[in-house]
C-alpha atoms as a PDB file:
ATOM      1  CA  MET A   1      33.098 -20.631  95.414  1.00  0.00           C
ATOM      2  CA  ILE A   2      29.849 -18.412  94.440  1.00  0.00           C
ATOM      3  CA  ARG A   3      32.414 -15.968  93.008  1.00  0.00           C
ATOM      4  CA  LEU A   4      33.949 -18.605  90.815  1.00  0.00           C
ATOM      5  CA  LEU A   5      30.483 -19.967  89.612  1.00  0.00           C
ATOM      6  CA  VAL A   6      29.408 -16.443  88.610  1.00  0.00           C
ATOM      7  CA  THR A   7      32.702 -15.882  86.690  1.00  0.00           C
ATOM      8  CA  CYS A   8      32.115 -19.277  84.731  1.00  0.00           C
ATOM      9  CA  ALA A   9      28.611 -18.507  84.137  1.00  0.00           C
ATOM     10  CA  SER A  10      29.560 -14.984  82.544  1.00  0.00           C
ATOM     11  CA  THR A  11      32.241 -16.438  80.328  1.00  0.00           C
ATOM     12  CA  LEU A  12      29.909 -19.344  78.984  1.00  0.00           C
ATOM     13  CA  LEU A  13      27.202 -16.631  77.946  1.00  0.00           C
ATOM     14  CA  LEU A  14      29.594 -14.362  76.301  1.00  0.00           C
ATOM     15  CA  ALA A  15      31.003 -17.401  74.315  1.00  0.00           C
ATOM     16  CA  ALA A  16      27.383 -18.292  73.158  1.00  0.00           C
ATOM     17  CA  CYS A  17      26.581 -14.645  72.137  1.00  0.00           C
ATOM     18  CA  MET A  18      29.904 -14.714  69.938  1.00  0.00           C
ATOM     19  CA  SER A  19      28.918 -17.889  68.297  1.00  0.00           C
ATOM     20  CA  GLN A  20      25.565 -16.795  66.689  1.00  0.00           C
ATOM     21  CA  PRO A  21      25.684 -15.573  63.142  1.00  0.00           C
ATOM     22  CA  PRO A  22      24.554 -11.839  62.490  1.00  0.00           C
ATOM     23  CA  ALA A  23      21.070 -11.201  61.266  1.00  0.00           C
ATOM     24  CA  PRO A  24      20.768 -10.905  57.598  1.00  0.00           C
ATOM     25  CA  ALA A  25      20.368  -7.344  56.208  1.00  0.00           C
ATOM     26  CA  ILE A  26      17.617  -6.632  53.519  1.00  0.00           C
ATOM     27  CA  ASP A  27      18.269  -4.125  50.732  1.00  0.00           C
ATOM     28  CA  ARG A  28      14.949  -2.447  50.117  1.00  0.00           C
ATOM     29  CA  ASN A  29      16.102  -0.423  47.248  1.00  0.00           C
ATOM     30  CA  SER A  30      17.257  -3.434  45.269  1.00  0.00           C
ATOM     31  CA  SER A  31      13.942  -5.520  45.873  1.00  0.00           C
ATOM     32  CA  SER A  32      12.037  -2.531  44.580  1.00  0.00           C
ATOM     33  CA  GLN A  33      14.051  -2.289  41.510  1.00  0.00           C
ATOM     34  CA  SER A  34      13.525  -6.029  40.839  1.00  0.00           C
ATOM     35  CA  ARG A  35       9.690  -5.586  41.055  1.00  0.00           C
ATOM     36  CA  ALA A  36       9.919  -2.718  38.648  1.00  0.00           C
ATOM     37  CA  GLY A  37      11.987  -4.689  36.085  1.00  0.00           C
ATOM     38  CA  THR A  38       9.333  -7.414  36.148  1.00  0.00           C
ATOM     39  CA  GLN A  39       6.759  -5.228  34.527  1.00  0.00           C
ATOM     40  CA  THR A  40       6.332  -5.597  30.749  1.00  0.00           C
ATOM     41  CA  ALA A  41       7.219  -2.428  28.593  1.00  0.00           C
ATOM     42  CA  GLN A  42       4.320  -1.560  26.517  1.00  0.00           C
ATOM     43  CA  PRO A  43       5.046  -0.961  22.755  1.00  0.00           C
ATOM     44  CA  SER A  44       4.527   2.562  21.505  1.00  0.00           C
ATOM     45  CA  GLY A  45       5.353   4.823  18.476  1.00  0.00           C
ATOM     46  CA  PRO A  46       4.376   4.669  14.924  1.00  0.00           C
ATOM     47  CA  GLY A  47       2.519   1.450  14.005  1.00  0.00           C
ATOM     48  CA  TYR A  48       0.732   1.516  17.490  1.00  0.00           C
ATOM     49  CA  TYR A  49      -2.351   3.163  18.790  1.00  0.00           C
ATOM     50  CA  THR A  50      -3.386   3.615  22.629  1.00  0.00           C
ATOM     51  CA  VAL A  51      -7.246   3.076  22.834  1.00  0.00           C
ATOM     52  CA  LYS A  52      -8.984   6.244  24.204  1.00  0.00           C
ATOM     53  CA  ARG A  53     -12.431   6.289  26.032  1.00  0.00           C
ATOM     54  CA  GLY A  54     -15.257   6.038  23.384  1.00  0.00           C
ATOM     55  CA  ASP A  55     -13.118   4.321  20.752  1.00  0.00           C
ATOM     56  CA  SER A  56     -14.349   1.205  18.785  1.00  0.00           C
ATOM     57  CA  LEU A  57     -12.188  -1.127  16.776  1.00  0.00           C
ATOM     58  CA  TYR A  58     -14.265   0.171  13.660  1.00  0.00           C
ATOM     59  CA  ARG A  59     -13.450   3.625  14.213  1.00  0.00           C
ATOM     60  CA  ILE A  60      -9.667   3.046  14.840  1.00  0.00           C
ATOM     61  CA  ALA A  61      -9.534   0.881  11.738  1.00  0.00           C
ATOM     62  CA  LEU A  62     -11.058   3.658   9.646  1.00  0.00           C
ATOM     63  CA  ASP A  63      -8.932   6.392  10.934  1.00  0.00           C
ATOM     64  CA  ASN A  64      -5.819   4.440  10.144  1.00  0.00           C
ATOM     65  CA  GLY A  65      -6.776   3.080   6.855  1.00  0.00           C
ATOM     66  CA  GLN A  66      -6.939  -0.508   7.830  1.00  0.00           C
ATOM     67  CA  ASP A  67      -9.518  -3.476   7.925  1.00  0.00           C
ATOM     68  CA  HIS A  68     -10.842  -4.019  11.415  1.00  0.00           C
ATOM     69  CA  ARG A  69     -10.382  -7.692  11.078  1.00  0.00           C
ATOM     70  CA  ASP A  70      -6.698  -7.334  10.319  1.00  0.00           C
ATOM     71  CA  ILE A  71      -6.154  -5.215  13.419  1.00  0.00           C
ATOM     72  CA  ALA A  72      -8.074  -7.885  15.386  1.00  0.00           C
ATOM     73  CA  ALA A  73      -5.972 -10.638  13.956  1.00  0.00           C
ATOM     74  CA  TRP A  74      -2.689  -8.683  14.705  1.00  0.00           C
ATOM     75  CA  ASN A  75      -3.757  -8.227  18.257  1.00  0.00           C
ATOM     76  CA  ASN A  76      -5.200 -11.754  18.908  1.00  0.00           C
ATOM     77  CA  ILE A  77      -8.759 -10.037  19.450  1.00  0.00           C
ATOM     78  CA  THR A  78     -11.594 -12.659  19.162  1.00  0.00           C
ATOM     79  CA  ASN A  79     -14.379 -10.049  19.997  1.00  0.00           C
ATOM     80  CA  VAL A  80     -14.128  -6.724  18.297  1.00  0.00           C
ATOM     81  CA  ASN A  81     -16.191  -5.344  21.252  1.00  0.00           C
ATOM     82  CA  THR A  82     -13.672  -6.228  24.228  1.00  0.00           C
ATOM     83  CA  ILE A  83     -11.028  -3.479  23.586  1.00  0.00           C
ATOM     84  CA  LYS A  84     -10.340  -1.329  26.764  1.00  0.00           C
ATOM     85  CA  GLU A  85      -9.244   2.033  27.417  1.00  0.00           C
ATOM     86  CA  GLY A  86      -5.415   2.264  27.698  1.00  0.00           C
ATOM     87  CA  GLN A  87      -4.919  -0.996  25.656  1.00  0.00           C
ATOM     88  CA  VAL A  88      -2.130  -0.613  23.154  1.00  0.00           C
ATOM     89  CA  LEU A  89      -2.903  -1.980  19.631  1.00  0.00           C
ATOM     90  CA  ARG A  90      -0.960  -2.678  16.773  1.00  0.00           C
ATOM     91  CA  ILE A  91      -2.260  -0.922  13.636  1.00  0.00           C
ATOM     92  CA  ALA A  92       0.292  -1.915  10.981  1.00  0.00           C
ATOM     93  CA  PRO A  93       1.065  -5.324   9.681  1.00  0.00           C
ATOM     94  CA  PRO A  94       3.748  -7.229  11.925  1.00  0.00           C
ATOM     95  CA  GLN A  95       6.030  -7.816   9.285  1.00  0.00           C
ATOM     96  CA  ALA A  96       6.219  -4.178   8.326  1.00  0.00           C
ATOM     97  CA  GLU A  97       8.202  -2.092  10.644  1.00  0.00           C
ATOM     98  CA  VAL A  98       7.018   1.458  10.612  1.00  0.00           C
ATOM     99  CA  THR A  99       9.991   3.730  10.834  1.00  0.00           C
ATOM    100  CA  GLY A 100       8.788   6.712   8.863  1.00  0.00           C
ATOM    101  CA  SER A 101      10.805   5.876   5.823  1.00  0.00           C
ATOM    102  CA  VAL A 102      10.588   3.650   2.910  1.00  0.00           C
ATOM    103  CA  VAL A 103      12.857   0.610   2.819  1.00  0.00           C
ATOM    104  CA  ALA A 104      13.927  -0.231  -0.572  1.00  0.00           C
ATOM    105  CA  SER A 105      14.723  -3.858  -1.423  1.00  0.00           C
ATOM    106  CA  PRO A 106      17.809  -4.269  -3.555  1.00  0.00           C
ATOM    107  CA  ILE A 107      16.992  -5.368  -7.151  1.00  0.00           C
ATOM    108  CA  SER A 108      19.427  -7.923  -8.758  1.00  0.00           C
ATOM    109  CA  THR A 109      20.189  -7.072 -12.343  1.00  0.00           C
ATOM    110  CA  ALA A 110      22.616  -8.650 -14.953  1.00  0.00           C
ATOM    111  CA  PRO A 111      25.816  -6.599 -15.241  1.00  0.00           C
ATOM    112  CA  LEU A 112      25.840  -4.060 -17.945  1.00  0.00           C
ATOM    113  CA  VAL A 113      29.325  -4.300 -19.195  1.00  0.00           C
ATOM    114  CA  GLU A 114      30.671  -7.820 -20.245  1.00  0.00           C
ATOM    115  CA  SER A 115      34.113  -8.548 -18.838  1.00  0.00           C
ATOM    116  CA  ARG A 116      36.450 -10.463 -20.872  1.00  0.00           C
ATOM    117  CA  SER A 117      39.920 -11.662 -20.307  1.00  0.00           C
ATOM    118  CA  LEU A 118      42.662  -9.668 -22.037  1.00  0.00           C
ATOM    119  CA  ASP A 119      44.476 -12.991 -22.983  1.00  0.00           C
ATOM    120  CA  THR A 120      41.422 -14.225 -24.940  1.00  0.00           C
ATOM    121  CA  THR A 121      41.539 -13.456 -28.739  1.00  0.00           C
ATOM    122  CA  PRO A 122      38.210 -11.659 -29.605  1.00  0.00           C
ATOM    123  CA  ALA A 123      36.122 -13.617 -31.785  1.00  0.00           C
ATOM    124  CA  LEU A 124      35.614 -12.292 -35.558  1.00  0.00           C
ATOM    125  CA  VAL A 125      32.382 -10.379 -36.063  1.00  0.00           C
ATOM    126  CA  SER A 126      30.595 -11.724 -38.977  1.00  0.00           C
ATOM    127  CA  VAL A 127      29.622  -8.860 -41.321  1.00  0.00           C
ATOM    128  CA  PRO A 128      26.938  -9.678 -43.883  1.00  0.00           C
ATOM    129  CA  MET A 129      28.189  -9.250 -47.440  1.00  0.00           C
ATOM    130  CA  ALA A 130      26.271  -8.247 -50.643  1.00  0.00           C
ATOM    131  CA  ALA A 131      24.398 -10.929 -52.589  1.00  0.00           C
ATOM    132  CA  THR A 132      26.526 -12.772 -54.889  1.00  0.00           C
ATOM    133  CA  PRO A 133      25.382 -12.672 -58.679  1.00  0.00           C
ATOM    134  CA  ALA A 134      24.202 -15.903 -60.247  1.00  0.00           C
ATOM    135  CA  ASN A 135      27.479 -16.325 -62.301  1.00  0.00           C
ATOM    136  CA  GLY A 136      29.540 -16.439 -59.126  1.00  0.00           C
ATOM    137  CA  ASN A 137      31.302 -13.316 -59.709  1.00  0.00           C
ATOM    138  CA  LEU A 138      31.618 -10.973 -56.947  1.00  0.00           C
ATOM    139  CA  LYS A 139      30.172  -7.534 -57.354  1.00  0.00           C
ATOM    140  CA  ARG A 140      33.092  -5.119 -57.579  1.00  0.00           C
ATOM    141  CA  GLU A 141      33.063  -1.371 -58.624  1.00  0.00           C
ATOM    142  CA  PRO A 142      33.629  -0.678 -62.441  1.00  0.00           C
ATOM    143  CA  ARG A 143      37.162   0.179 -63.542  1.00  0.00           C
ATOM    144  CA  VAL A 144      38.412   3.624 -63.357  1.00  0.00           C
ATOM    145  CA  GLY A 145      37.353   6.041 -66.223  1.00  0.00           C
ATOM    146  CA  LYS A 146      34.242   4.138 -67.291  1.00  0.00           C
ATOM    147  CA  GLU A 147      31.007   5.613 -65.714  1.00  0.00           C
ATOM    148  CA  PRO A 148      29.965   5.901 -62.160  1.00  0.00           C
ATOM    149  CA  TYR A 149      28.964   2.940 -60.489  1.00  0.00           C
ATOM    150  CA  SER A 150      25.309   1.775 -60.539  1.00  0.00           C
ATOM    151  CA  ASP A 151      23.321  -1.454 -60.567  1.00  0.00           C
ATOM    152  CA  GLU A 152      22.550  -0.961 -64.348  1.00  0.00           C
ATOM    153  CA  ALA A 153      26.126  -0.200 -65.227  1.00  0.00           C
ATOM    154  CA  TYR A 154      27.263  -3.361 -63.327  1.00  0.00           C
ATOM    155  CA  ALA A 155      24.774  -5.383 -65.168  1.00  0.00           C
ATOM    156  CA  ARG A 156      25.742  -4.178 -68.680  1.00  0.00           C
ATOM    157  CA  LEU A 157      29.533  -4.712 -68.083  1.00  0.00           C
ATOM    158  CA  ASN A 158      29.023  -8.220 -66.590  1.00  0.00           C
ATOM    159  CA  ASN A 159      26.362  -9.368 -68.699  1.00  0.00           C
ATOM    160  CA  VAL A 160      24.187  -9.911 -65.749  1.00  0.00           C
ATOM    161  CA  ALA A 161      20.410  -9.393 -65.830  1.00  0.00           C
ATOM    162  CA  GLU A 162      19.498  -6.025 -64.466  1.00  0.00           C
ATOM    163  CA  VAL A 163      19.185  -6.257 -60.729  1.00  0.00           C
ATOM    164  CA  PRO A 164      15.667  -5.585 -59.717  1.00  0.00           C
ATOM    165  CA  LYS A 165      15.134  -2.474 -57.643  1.00  0.00           C
ATOM    166  CA  VAL A 166      13.988  -3.312 -54.161  1.00  0.00           C
ATOM    167  CA  THR A 167      10.879  -1.428 -53.260  1.00  0.00           C
ATOM    168  CA  ASP A 168       9.696  -0.802 -49.702  1.00  0.00           C
ATOM    169  CA  THR A 169       7.034  -3.229 -48.861  1.00  0.00           C
ATOM    170  CA  ARG A 170       6.452  -2.105 -45.414  1.00  0.00           C
ATOM    171  CA  VAL A 171       2.902  -1.372 -44.608  1.00  0.00           C
ATOM    172  CA  GLU A 172       2.338   1.904 -42.706  1.00  0.00           C
ATOM    173  CA  PRO A 173       0.152   1.133 -39.544  1.00  0.00           C
ATOM    174  CA  LYS A 174      -3.516   2.484 -39.904  1.00  0.00           C
ATOM    175  CA  THR A 175      -4.373   4.907 -37.492  1.00  0.00           C
ATOM    176  CA  GLU A 176      -7.415   3.614 -35.549  1.00  0.00           C
ATOM    177  CA  VAL A 177     -10.169   6.201 -34.885  1.00  0.00           C
ATOM    178  CA  LYS A 178     -11.784   5.388 -31.629  1.00  0.00           C
ATOM    179  CA  PRO A 179     -15.124   6.786 -30.664  1.00  0.00           C
ATOM    180  CA  GLU A 180     -15.252   9.608 -28.363  1.00  0.00           C
ATOM    181  CA  VAL A 181     -15.575   8.357 -24.821  1.00  0.00           C
ATOM    182  CA  VAL A 182     -16.922  10.562 -21.953  1.00  0.00           C
ATOM    183  CA  ALA A 183     -14.452  10.391 -19.055  1.00  0.00           C
ATOM    184  CA  THR A 184     -15.974   8.759 -15.962  1.00  0.00           C
ATOM    185  CA  ALA A 185     -12.982   8.435 -13.779  1.00  0.00           C
ATOM    186  CA  ALA A 186      -9.835  10.542 -12.870  1.00  0.00           C
ATOM    187  CA  PRO A 187      -6.692   8.986 -14.305  1.00  0.00           C
ATOM    188  CA  PRO A 188      -4.130   7.734 -11.663  1.00  0.00           C
ATOM    189  CA  THR A 189      -1.073   9.718 -11.387  1.00  0.00           C
ATOM    190  CA  GLY A 190       1.215   7.330  -9.337  1.00  0.00           C
ATOM    191  CA  PRO A 191       1.668   3.668  -8.704  1.00  0.00           C
ATOM    192  CA  ASP A 192      -0.744   3.612  -5.585  1.00  0.00           C
ATOM    193  CA  GLU A 193      -3.021   5.991  -7.064  1.00  0.00           C
ATOM    194  CA  VAL A 194      -6.797   5.319  -7.861  1.00  0.00           C
ATOM    195  CA  SER A 195      -8.847   5.975 -10.896  1.00  0.00           C
ATOM    196  CA  TRP A 196     -11.920   7.563  -9.261  1.00  0.00           C
ATOM    197  CA  ALA A 197     -15.557   7.970 -10.540  1.00  0.00           C
ATOM    198  CA  TRP A 198     -18.380   9.659  -8.807  1.00  0.00           C
ATOM    199  CA  PRO A 199     -20.514   7.495  -6.404  1.00  0.00           C
ATOM    200  CA  SER A 200     -23.697   9.262  -7.289  1.00  0.00           C
ATOM    201  CA  ASN A 201     -25.299  11.477  -9.723  1.00  0.00           C
ATOM    202  CA  GLY A 202     -26.613  13.692  -7.134  1.00  0.00           C
ATOM    203  CA  LYS A 203     -25.616  17.249  -6.730  1.00  0.00           C
ATOM    204  CA  LEU A 204     -22.952  18.382  -4.340  1.00  0.00           C
ATOM    205  CA  ILE A 205     -24.796  20.003  -1.249  1.00  0.00           C
ATOM    206  CA  ALA A 206     -22.056  20.032   1.208  1.00  0.00           C
ATOM    207  CA  PRO A 207     -18.348  20.441   0.442  1.00  0.00           C
ATOM    208  CA  TYR A 208     -15.303  19.132   2.293  1.00  0.00           C
ATOM    209  CA  SER A 209     -14.067  21.002   5.464  1.00  0.00           C
ATOM    210  CA  ASP A 210     -10.819  20.410   7.450  1.00  0.00           C
ATOM    211  CA  SER A 211     -12.635  21.536  10.759  1.00  0.00           C
ATOM    212  CA  GLY A 212     -16.140  19.842   9.951  1.00  0.00           C
ATOM    213  CA  ASN A 213     -17.473  17.854   7.061  1.00  0.00           C
ATOM    214  CA  LYS A 214     -14.907  15.041   6.383  1.00  0.00           C
ATOM    215  CA  GLY A 215     -16.112  14.398   3.126  1.00  0.00           C
ATOM    216  CA  VAL A 216     -18.800  15.717   0.510  1.00  0.00           C
ATOM    217  CA  ASP A 217     -22.485  15.324   0.676  1.00  0.00           C
ATOM    218  CA  LEU A 218     -24.447  14.528  -2.425  1.00  0.00           C
ATOM    219  CA  SER A 219     -28.251  15.022  -2.690  1.00  0.00           C
ATOM    220  CA  GLY A 220     -30.765  12.428  -3.973  1.00  0.00           C
ATOM    221  CA  LYS A 221     -34.078  10.627  -3.177  1.00  0.00           C
ATOM    222  CA  SER A 222     -34.432   7.620  -1.059  1.00  0.00           C
ATOM    223  CA  GLY A 223     -33.552   4.501  -2.996  1.00  0.00           C
ATOM    224  CA  ASP A 224     -31.068   6.062  -5.466  1.00  0.00           C
ATOM    225  CA  PRO A 225     -28.095   4.035  -6.462  1.00  0.00           C
ATOM    226  CA  VAL A 226     -24.886   4.397  -4.513  1.00  0.00           C
ATOM    227  CA  LEU A 227     -22.030   3.327  -6.658  1.00  0.00           C
ATOM    228  CA  ALA A 228     -18.482   2.237  -5.618  1.00  0.00           C
ATOM    229  CA  ALA A 229     -16.128   5.027  -6.710  1.00  0.00           C
ATOM    230  CA  ALA A 230     -13.323   2.622  -7.694  1.00  0.00           C
ATOM    231  CA  ASP A 231     -12.142  -1.118  -7.660  1.00  0.00           C
ATOM    232  CA  GLY A 232     -11.537  -2.790  -4.312  1.00  0.00           C
ATOM    233  CA  LYS A 233     -12.665  -4.835  -1.416  1.00  0.00           C
ATOM    234  CA  VAL A 234     -15.549  -4.214   1.148  1.00  0.00           C
ATOM    235  CA  VAL A 235     -13.878  -4.021   4.527  1.00  0.00           C
ATOM    236  CA  TYR A 236     -16.897  -2.861   6.506  1.00  0.00           C
ATOM    237  CA  ALA A 237     -20.736  -2.942   5.943  1.00  0.00           C
ATOM    238  CA  GLY A 238     -22.837  -2.087   8.891  1.00  0.00           C
ATOM    239  CA  ALA A 239     -24.038   0.592  11.301  1.00  0.00           C
ATOM    240  CA  GLY A 240     -21.519   0.329  14.086  1.00  0.00           C
ATOM    241  CA  LEU A 241     -19.985   3.858  13.600  1.00  0.00           C
ATOM    242  CA  ARG A 242     -21.910   6.608  15.244  1.00  0.00           C
ATOM    243  CA  GLY A 243     -22.766   9.425  12.842  1.00  0.00           C
ATOM    244  CA  TYR A 244     -22.603   7.289   9.749  1.00  0.00           C
ATOM    245  CA  GLY A 245     -25.765   5.364   9.805  1.00  0.00           C
ATOM    246  CA  GLU A 246     -25.710   2.343   7.280  1.00  0.00           C
ATOM    247  CA  LEU A 247     -22.017   2.421   6.185  1.00  0.00           C
ATOM    248  CA  VAL A 248     -20.107   0.786   3.567  1.00  0.00           C
ATOM    249  CA  ILE A 249     -16.293   1.094   3.457  1.00  0.00           C
ATOM    250  CA  ILE A 250     -14.217   0.012   0.572  1.00  0.00           C
ATOM    251  CA  LYS A 251     -10.240  -0.557   0.638  1.00  0.00           C
ATOM    252  CA  HIS A 252      -8.697   0.141  -2.759  1.00  0.00           C
ATOM    253  CA  ASN A 253      -4.994  -0.520  -1.740  1.00  0.00           C
ATOM    254  CA  ALA A 254      -2.561   0.177   0.974  1.00  0.00           C
ATOM    255  CA  THR A 255      -3.111   3.862   0.673  1.00  0.00           C
ATOM    256  CA  TYR A 256      -6.766   4.438  -0.283  1.00  0.00           C
ATOM    257  CA  LEU A 257     -10.079   3.879   1.452  1.00  0.00           C
ATOM    258  CA  SER A 258     -13.607   5.378   0.486  1.00  0.00           C
ATOM    259  CA  ALA A 259     -16.706   5.527   2.707  1.00  0.00           C
ATOM    260  CA  TYR A 260     -20.445   5.862   1.834  1.00  0.00           C
ATOM    261  CA  ALA A 261     -22.632   6.654   4.638  1.00  0.00           C
ATOM    262  CA  HIS A 262     -26.464   7.264   5.584  1.00  0.00           C
ATOM    263  CA  ASN A 263     -27.745   4.471   3.183  1.00  0.00           C
ATOM    264  CA  ARG A 264     -31.084   2.838   3.632  1.00  0.00           C
ATOM    265  CA  LYS A 265     -29.913  -0.488   2.359  1.00  0.00           C
ATOM    266  CA  ILE A 266     -26.658  -2.078   1.945  1.00  0.00           C
ATOM    267  CA  LEU A 267     -26.317  -4.502  -1.122  1.00  0.00           C
ATOM    268  CA  VAL A 268     -22.829  -5.989  -0.378  1.00  0.00           C
ATOM    269  CA  LYS A 269     -21.038  -7.729   2.514  1.00  0.00           C
ATOM    270  CA  GLU A 270     -17.631  -7.638   3.949  1.00  0.00           C
ATOM    271  CA  LYS A 271     -14.948  -9.195   1.866  1.00  0.00           C
ATOM    272  CA  ASP A 272     -16.798  -8.596  -1.408  1.00  0.00           C
ATOM    273  CA  GLN A 273     -14.565  -7.495  -4.274  1.00  0.00           C
ATOM    274  CA  VAL A 274     -16.459  -4.612  -5.998  1.00  0.00           C
ATOM    275  CA  THR A 275     -15.576  -2.748  -9.351  1.00  0.00           C
ATOM    276  CA  ARG A 276     -15.888   1.008 -10.273  1.00  0.00           C
ATOM    277  CA  GLY A 277     -19.508   1.751 -11.037  1.00  0.00           C
ATOM    278  CA  GLN A 278     -21.211  -1.094  -9.318  1.00  0.00           C
ATOM    279  CA  LYS A 279     -24.148  -0.485  -7.075  1.00  0.00           C
ATOM    280  CA  ILE A 280     -23.455  -1.154  -3.646  1.00  0.00           C
ATOM    281  CA  ALA A 281     -26.165   0.459  -1.701  1.00  0.00           C
ATOM    282  CA  GLU A 282     -29.254   2.427  -1.833  1.00  0.00           C
ATOM    283  CA  MET A 283     -29.430   6.080  -0.747  1.00  0.00           C
ATOM    284  CA  GLY A 284     -31.201   6.937   2.483  1.00  0.00           C
ATOM    285  CA  ASN A 285     -31.066   8.925   5.764  1.00  0.00           C
ATOM    286  CA  THR A 286     -29.905   6.678   8.312  1.00  0.00           C
ATOM    287  CA  ASP A 287     -28.289   8.722  11.184  1.00  0.00           C
ATOM    288  CA  ALA A 288     -28.935  11.812   9.284  1.00  0.00           C
ATOM    289  CA  ASP A 289     -31.465  14.876   8.948  1.00  0.00           C
ATOM    290  CA  ALA A 290     -32.125  14.406   5.192  1.00  0.00           C
ATOM    291  CA  VAL A 291     -31.562  11.745   2.471  1.00  0.00           C
ATOM    292  CA  LYS A 292     -28.215  12.147   1.223  1.00  0.00           C
ATOM    293  CA  LEU A 293     -24.833  10.331   0.671  1.00  0.00           C
ATOM    294  CA  HIS A 294     -21.926  11.291   2.615  1.00  0.00           C
ATOM    295  CA  PHE A 295     -18.902  10.174   0.709  1.00  0.00           C
ATOM    296  CA  GLU A 296     -15.204  10.297   1.972  1.00  0.00           C
ATOM    297  CA  ILE A 297     -11.920   9.435   0.504  1.00  0.00           C
ATOM    298  CA  ARG A 298      -9.315   8.614   3.223  1.00  0.00           C
ATOM    299  CA  LYS A 299      -5.564   8.616   2.241  1.00  0.00           C
ATOM    300  CA  GLN A 300      -3.796   6.185   4.789  1.00  0.00           C
ATOM    301  CA  GLY A 301      -6.589   6.788   7.061  1.00  0.00           C
ATOM    302  CA  LYS A 302      -6.838  10.573   6.980  1.00  0.00           C
ATOM    303  CA  PRO A 303      -9.810  12.079   5.309  1.00  0.00           C
ATOM    304  CA  ILE A 304      -8.908  14.379   2.267  1.00  0.00           C
ATOM    305  CA  ASP A 305     -11.108  16.417  -0.037  1.00  0.00           C
ATOM    306  CA  PRO A 306     -12.414  14.221  -2.717  1.00  0.00           C
ATOM    307  CA  MET A 307     -13.145  16.959  -5.216  1.00  0.00           C
ATOM    308  CA  PRO A 308      -9.567  17.168  -6.693  1.00  0.00           C
ATOM    309  CA  TYR A 309      -9.723  13.341  -7.049  1.00  0.00           C
ATOM    310  CA  LEU A 310     -13.043  13.046  -8.805  1.00  0.00           C
ATOM    311  CA  PRO A 311     -13.426  13.701 -12.421  1.00  0.00           C
ATOM    312  CA  LYS A 312     -15.014  17.094 -13.579  1.00  0.00           C
ATOM    313  CA  ARG A 313     -18.614  16.765 -14.690  1.00  0.00           C
END
C-alpha cells in the first residue's frame, strides 16, 4: 500500500512540473540597442557650431558674420548668457540649407521664338510708302533718257512745288562737365560688394596680420570721430567681447561686417541704420594700451585685410 502511494505521488509531482510554462528569456543586446535608439542625434556640419569653453554668443556671431539676436532666435535662446559648452547652435538661417554650393532658382522667361501653325496664312507686313504729293499722283521715277532722278527733276516734270529738303533737327546732347570729386569710397566690384570709406582720418599704426592683428589700427586723440565705413545696420554696441573694449559692429549685407573697437563713447544703438561717413562713436582706449581705433572688415565672419578695400589716400 505504501509503495502504491509513493508511486502516485511521484506521478502527480511530475505532471505538475510539466504543466508550468517556461521562464521568459531576456535579450540584453536588444534592450541596449533600444536604449541607444532613443537618444536624439545632434545636428552637425555646415550651418552649425558646437560651443567651446570660453565662447560667448557675441563672439560666435562675430566669427560667423551674423547678428547675435538672429542666432538666439534660431536656437530659441532667451538669455544670451546661458549657452553651455558642447551645445550645438544653428548659425545659419533655418530656411537656408548650407550645402557649400549656391542653389540657383529657375527664372521664368518668355519664349524667344514665336511658334506659328504652318496652316495659318502669314499676315501681310505693312511697309510705309513715300508721301503722296498734293495732286494725288504717285511719285514715280522719270522716264528713261531724260535725266537722273531727283526731287527737283520730279517737281519740274509734274508741276509740283519743289519738295523741301528735310534737315536734321536732332539736337546733339550736351556733355555735362561735372566738378571733380575726391574719391572717398572704393567702388564695389560685385553684387554683394560694399563701397568702403575710411572710418577715421588717423594714420595707420598697425597693419593687418593673419597670425596677429585681425584688422588695422589707426591713431588719433581721445574724442576723435569714428565714422561708419559703409551703409548698414548696427548689430552690436557694447563691451561684451573681451579685448575690444567699447565696440560697434555693423552688418552691411549677408557677406560683410565691420567692427570698430576701443571707443570711449558709442553714439549708436543696436538695430540702428547708419550711412557711410556717419559718426557712430568717439575714439578712446577702452581695453587698449593707447588711444586708437581698431578697425576690422569680416567677410562671411572671417577677418580680411581692410587695406585692399579702402580707397587710397
